[in-house]
Amino acid sequence: MEQDWMEKFRAELLEDMKKEARQEIAEEMARIYLETTDYDDEPISERFGVPIYKIEQFREDHKKWQFAKQLEITEEQLFLRTM
């Protein structure tokens, strides 16, 4: 009896882990697709099965990252400014 319970629990846990992994992969694929294409949020959401609010969040994060990247100051630029 205890063995059956453990097997059932193990199977449920494995299934939950698979679902979570699929969702994480879908979200990462949507993020990559968003960063490399100019599609609207809705088609990306439909294609990868990720909620639109997450796509919007990914888009905002990407915009912030691009802005931070533009502000990045390298050592070479600092050296040129001090001369």
Protein backbone atom coordinates (compact mmCIF):
# COMPACT_ATOMS: atom_id res chain seq x y z
CA MET A 1 0.00 0.00 0.00
CA GLU A 2 2.75 2.42 0.95
CA GLN A 3 4.66 1.51 -2.21
CA ASP A 4 1.63 2.40 -4.38
CA TRP A 5 1.33 5.77 -2.66
CA MET A 6 5.02 6.50 -3.23
CA GLU A 7 4.80 5.55 -6.91
CA LYS A 8 1.73 7.74 -7.39
CA PHE A 9 3.42 10.65 -5.63
CA ARG A 10 6.56 10.19 -7.71
CA ALA A 11 4.52 10.14 -10.95
CA GLU A 12 2.61 13.29 -9.98
CA LEU A 13 5.80 15.07 -9.01
CA LEU A 14 7.45 14.11 -12.29
CA GLU A 15 4.43 15.33 -14.27
CA ASP A 16 4.45 18.67 -12.40
CA MET A 17 8.15 19.08 -13.11
CA LYS A 18 7.58 18.38 -16.81
CA LYS A 19 4.78 20.97 -16.99
CA GLU A 20 6.93 23.56 -15.26
CA ALA A 21 9.86 22.85 -17.58
CA ARG A 22 7.62 23.16 -20.65
CA GLN A 23 6.32 26.51 -19.39
CA GLU A 24 9.83 27.81 -18.71
CA ILE A 25 10.97 26.75 -22.18
CA ALA A 26 7.93 28.40 -23.78
CA GLU A 27 8.61 31.63 -21.88
CA GLU A 28 12.27 31.65 -22.86
CA MET A 29 11.41 30.96 -26.51
CA ALA A 30 8.88 33.81 -26.43
CA ARG A 31 11.49 36.13 -24.91
CA ILE A 32 14.04 35.24 -27.60
CA TYR A 33 11.43 35.59 -30.36
CA LEU A 34 10.40 38.98 -28.97
CA GLU A 35 13.99 40.23 -28.93
CA THR A 36 14.76 39.08 -32.48
CA THR A 37 11.53 40.00 -34.30
CA ASP A 38 9.12 42.93 -34.54
CA TYR A 39 5.90 40.97 -34.05
CA ASP A 40 3.10 42.21 -31.82
CA ASP A 41 2.51 40.68 -28.41
CA GLU A 42 -0.62 38.73 -29.35
CA PRO A 43 0.87 36.56 -32.13
CA ILE A 44 3.87 35.74 -29.93
CA SER A 45 1.54 34.84 -27.07
CA GLU A 46 -0.51 32.55 -29.31
CA ARG A 47 2.52 30.94 -30.90
CA PHE A 48 4.22 29.96 -27.64
CA GLY A 49 1.23 29.72 -25.30
CA VAL A 50 2.56 32.37 -22.93
CA PRO A 51 0.11 34.88 -21.37
CA ILE A 52 0.14 38.35 -22.93
CA TYR A 53 1.02 40.01 -19.62
CA LYS A 54 4.27 38.02 -19.55
CA ILE A 55 5.05 39.04 -23.15
CA GLU A 56 4.49 42.68 -22.17
CA GLN A 57 6.77 42.20 -19.18
CA PHE A 58 9.45 40.65 -21.42
CA ARG A 59 9.13 43.60 -23.83
CA GLU A 60 9.56 46.12 -20.99
CA ASP A 61 12.58 44.22 -19.65
CA HIS A 62 14.08 44.17 -23.14
CA LYS A 63 13.56 47.94 -23.54
CA LYS A 64 15.22 48.57 -20.17
CA TRP A 65 18.12 46.31 -21.12
CA GLN A 66 18.59 48.10 -24.46
CA PHE A 67 18.52 51.49 -22.72
CA ALA A 68 21.05 50.35 -20.12
CA LYS A 69 23.22 48.99 -22.91
CA GLN A 70 23.21 52.40 -24.62
CA LEU A 71 24.31 54.09 -21.40
CA GLU A 72 27.16 51.66 -20.84
CA ILE A 73 30.48 53.45 -20.48
CA THR A 74 33.62 51.53 -21.24
CA GLU A 75 37.10 52.22 -19.91
CA GLU A 76 38.16 53.41 -23.34
CA GLN A 77 35.46 56.09 -23.39
CA LEU A 78 36.42 57.25 -19.90
CA PHE A 79 40.06 57.54 -20.93
CA LEU A 80 39.17 59.63 -23.97
CA ARG A 81 37.04 62.02 -21.90
CA THR A 82 39.82 62.71 -19.40
CA MET A 83 42.29 63.75 -22.06
